Amino acid sequence: MNITVTQAAADQIALAAEQGRMEGLALRIAAKRQQDGSIEYAMGFDDAAEDDERLQVLGVSLVVAPASVEMLEGMTLDFVELEPGSNQFIFLNPNDPHYIPPKS
């Protein structure tokens, strides 16, 4: 499985784990296909289940349930400032029919 995590996202995940006293737990990323074909995402710290896909990216442990693997393949997780003072995680996912690649 191939998921990219930017350095900004990895830093924020590490900070959230530390602040929430969740060090040692993996970040679970889940995906669910909506009626219009778009993908809805969820994240949270969790233990890995036996059948989960496991990844290590920039020091971050990720787990993905089998039902989400195909939808998340090739996705990039980033942490960006969308508006001044408003940072959030974004999912850049070519598997989402509404995905528009960022302009370089």
C-alpha atoms as a PDB file:
ATOM      1  CA  MET A   1       0.000   0.000   0.000  1.00  0.00           C
ATOM      2  CA  ASN A   2       1.237   3.466  -0.879  1.00  0.00           C
ATOM      3  CA  ILE A   3       0.183   6.514   1.165  1.00  0.00           C
ATOM      4  CA  THR A   4       2.277   9.676   1.260  1.00  0.00           C
ATOM      5  CA  VAL A   5       2.417  11.800   4.412  1.00  0.00           C
ATOM      6  CA  THR A   6       3.944  15.259   4.106  1.00  0.00           C
ATOM      7  CA  GLN A   7       6.388  16.468   6.727  1.00  0.00           C
ATOM      8  CA  ALA A   8       3.817  19.050   7.920  1.00  0.00           C
ATOM      9  CA  ALA A   9       1.229  16.285   8.431  1.00  0.00           C
ATOM     10  CA  ALA A  10       3.743  13.986  10.161  1.00  0.00           C
ATOM     11  CA  ASP A  11       4.741  16.795  12.542  1.00  0.00           C
ATOM     12  CA  GLN A  12       1.099  17.550  13.384  1.00  0.00           C
ATOM     13  CA  ILE A  13       0.276  13.854  13.914  1.00  0.00           C
ATOM     14  CA  ALA A  14       3.236  13.525  16.308  1.00  0.00           C
ATOM     15  CA  LEU A  15       2.131  16.654  18.176  1.00  0.00           C
ATOM     16  CA  ALA A  16      -1.471  15.409  18.429  1.00  0.00           C
ATOM     17  CA  ALA A  17      -0.286  12.027  19.721  1.00  0.00           C
ATOM     18  CA  GLU A  18       1.864  13.724  22.343  1.00  0.00           C
ATOM     19  CA  GLN A  19      -0.841  16.170  23.432  1.00  0.00           C
ATOM     20  CA  GLY A  20      -3.475  13.435  23.599  1.00  0.00           C
ATOM     21  CA  ARG A  21      -1.097  11.012  25.331  1.00  0.00           C
ATOM     22  CA  MET A  22      -1.541   8.580  22.442  1.00  0.00           C
ATOM     23  CA  GLU A  23       2.148   7.904  21.802  1.00  0.00           C
ATOM     24  CA  GLY A  24       2.684   4.329  20.715  1.00  0.00           C
ATOM     25  CA  LEU A  25      -0.679   4.075  18.949  1.00  0.00           C
ATOM     26  CA  ALA A  26      -0.951   4.113  15.180  1.00  0.00           C
ATOM     27  CA  LEU A  27      -3.010   6.622  13.261  1.00  0.00           C
ATOM     28  CA  ARG A  28      -5.951   4.829  11.667  1.00  0.00           C
ATOM     29  CA  ILE A  29      -7.161   6.310   8.389  1.00  0.00           C
ATOM     30  CA  ALA A  30     -10.562   5.163   7.149  1.00  0.00           C
ATOM     31  CA  ALA A  31     -12.431   5.898   3.932  1.00  0.00           C
ATOM     32  CA  LYS A  32     -16.072   5.521   2.976  1.00  0.00           C
ATOM     33  CA  ARG A  33     -17.530   5.972  -0.508  1.00  0.00           C
ATOM     34  CA  GLN A  34     -20.471   8.399  -0.618  1.00  0.00           C
ATOM     35  CA  GLN A  35     -23.487   8.145  -2.964  1.00  0.00           C
ATOM     36  CA  ASP A  36     -22.002  10.717  -5.359  1.00  0.00           C
ATOM     37  CA  GLY A  37     -18.775   8.675  -5.551  1.00  0.00           C
ATOM     38  CA  SER A  38     -16.745  11.046  -3.391  1.00  0.00           C
ATOM     39  CA  ILE A  39     -14.782   9.714  -0.445  1.00  0.00           C
ATOM     40  CA  GLU A  40     -15.338  10.661   3.197  1.00  0.00           C
ATOM     41  CA  TYR A  41     -12.361  10.289   5.537  1.00  0.00           C
ATOM     42  CA  ALA A  42     -11.899   9.640   9.245  1.00  0.00           C
ATOM     43  CA  MET A  43      -8.744   9.505  11.355  1.00  0.00           C
ATOM     44  CA  GLY A  44      -7.969   8.606  14.925  1.00  0.00           C
ATOM     45  CA  PHE A  45      -5.361   6.903  17.055  1.00  0.00           C
ATOM     46  CA  ASP A  46      -5.982   3.181  17.426  1.00  0.00           C
ATOM     47  CA  ASP A  47      -4.410  -0.220  17.921  1.00  0.00           C
ATOM     48  CA  ALA A  48      -3.821  -2.233  14.773  1.00  0.00           C
ATOM     49  CA  ALA A  49      -6.111  -5.166  14.036  1.00  0.00           C
ATOM     50  CA  GLU A  50      -4.734  -8.426  12.674  1.00  0.00           C
ATOM     51  CA  ASP A  51      -5.912  -7.830   9.079  1.00  0.00           C
ATOM     52  CA  ASP A  52      -4.968  -4.125   8.864  1.00  0.00           C
ATOM     53  CA  GLU A  53      -2.458  -2.802   6.357  1.00  0.00           C
ATOM     54  CA  ARG A  54       0.407  -1.211   8.294  1.00  0.00           C
ATOM     55  CA  LEU A  55       2.725   1.520   7.072  1.00  0.00           C
ATOM     56  CA  GLN A  56       5.544   3.551   8.550  1.00  0.00           C
ATOM     57  CA  VAL A  57       5.917   6.989   6.910  1.00  0.00           C
ATOM     58  CA  LEU A  58       8.195   9.765   8.244  1.00  0.00           C
ATOM     59  CA  GLY A  59       8.122   8.190  11.695  1.00  0.00           C
ATOM     60  CA  VAL A  60       4.318   7.914  11.721  1.00  0.00           C
ATOM     61  CA  SER A  61       2.666   4.514  12.082  1.00  0.00           C
ATOM     62  CA  LEU A  62      -0.462   4.204   9.947  1.00  0.00           C
ATOM     63  CA  VAL A  63      -3.085   1.469   9.897  1.00  0.00           C
ATOM     64  CA  VAL A  64      -5.792   0.984   7.286  1.00  0.00           C
ATOM     65  CA  ALA A  65      -8.611  -1.555   7.399  1.00  0.00           C
ATOM     66  CA  PRO A  66      -8.944  -3.820   4.342  1.00  0.00           C
ATOM     67  CA  ALA A  67     -12.217  -2.112   3.319  1.00  0.00           C
ATOM     68  CA  SER A  68     -10.394   1.236   2.911  1.00  0.00           C
ATOM     69  CA  VAL A  69      -7.173   0.103   1.209  1.00  0.00           C
ATOM     70  CA  GLU A  70      -8.320   0.430  -2.407  1.00  0.00           C
ATOM     71  CA  MET A  71      -9.841   3.895  -1.814  1.00  0.00           C
ATOM     72  CA  LEU A  72      -6.683   5.206  -0.096  1.00  0.00           C
ATOM     73  CA  GLU A  73      -4.059   3.760  -2.456  1.00  0.00           C
ATOM     74  CA  GLY A  74      -1.855   6.578  -3.782  1.00  0.00           C
ATOM     75  CA  MET A  75      -3.349   9.240  -1.492  1.00  0.00           C
ATOM     76  CA  THR A  76      -1.354  12.063   0.102  1.00  0.00           C
ATOM     77  CA  LEU A  77      -2.147  13.332   3.599  1.00  0.00           C
ATOM     78  CA  ASP A  78      -1.098  16.959   4.152  1.00  0.00           C
ATOM     79  CA  PHE A  79      -1.577  19.592   6.859  1.00  0.00           C
ATOM     80  CA  VAL A  80      -2.085  23.057   5.408  1.00  0.00           C
ATOM     81  CA  GLU A  81      -3.280  26.552   6.232  1.00  0.00           C
ATOM     82  CA  LEU A  82      -6.486  26.949   4.214  1.00  0.00           C
ATOM     83  CA  GLU A  83      -7.264  30.382   5.637  1.00  0.00           C
ATOM     84  CA  PRO A  84      -5.103  32.591   7.830  1.00  0.00           C
ATOM     85  CA  GLY A  85      -4.911  30.906  11.240  1.00  0.00           C
ATOM     86  CA  SER A  86      -6.939  27.872  10.114  1.00  0.00           C
ATOM     87  CA  ASN A  87      -4.825  24.749   9.565  1.00  0.00           C
ATOM     88  CA  GLN A  88      -6.279  21.340   8.835  1.00  0.00           C
ATOM     89  CA  PHE A  89      -5.527  17.960   7.355  1.00  0.00           C
ATOM     90  CA  ILE A  90      -6.379  17.514   3.700  1.00  0.00           C
ATOM     91  CA  PHE A  91      -6.587  14.331   1.656  1.00  0.00           C
ATOM     92  CA  LEU A  92      -5.214  14.538  -1.880  1.00  0.00           C
ATOM     93  CA  ASN A  93      -6.657  11.413  -3.390  1.00  0.00           C
ATOM     94  CA  PRO A  94      -6.684  10.555  -7.106  1.00  0.00           C
ATOM     95  CA  ASN A  95      -9.264   7.816  -6.338  1.00  0.00           C
ATOM     96  CA  ASP A  96     -11.864  10.491  -5.491  1.00  0.00           C
ATOM     97  CA  PRO A  97     -13.795  11.560  -8.624  1.00  0.00           C
ATOM     98  CA  HIS A  98     -13.886  15.142  -7.271  1.00  0.00           C
ATOM     99  CA  TYR A  99     -10.093  15.301  -6.814  1.00  0.00           C
ATOM    100  CA  ILE A 100      -8.343  18.194  -8.513  1.00  0.00           C
ATOM    101  CA  PRO A 101      -4.544  18.012  -8.359  1.00  0.00           C
ATOM    102  CA  PRO A 102      -2.940  21.085  -6.781  1.00  0.00           C
ATOM    103  CA  LYS A 103      -1.251  23.483  -9.164  1.00  0.00           C
ATOM    104  CA  SER A 104       2.519  23.502  -8.752  1.00  0.00           C
END
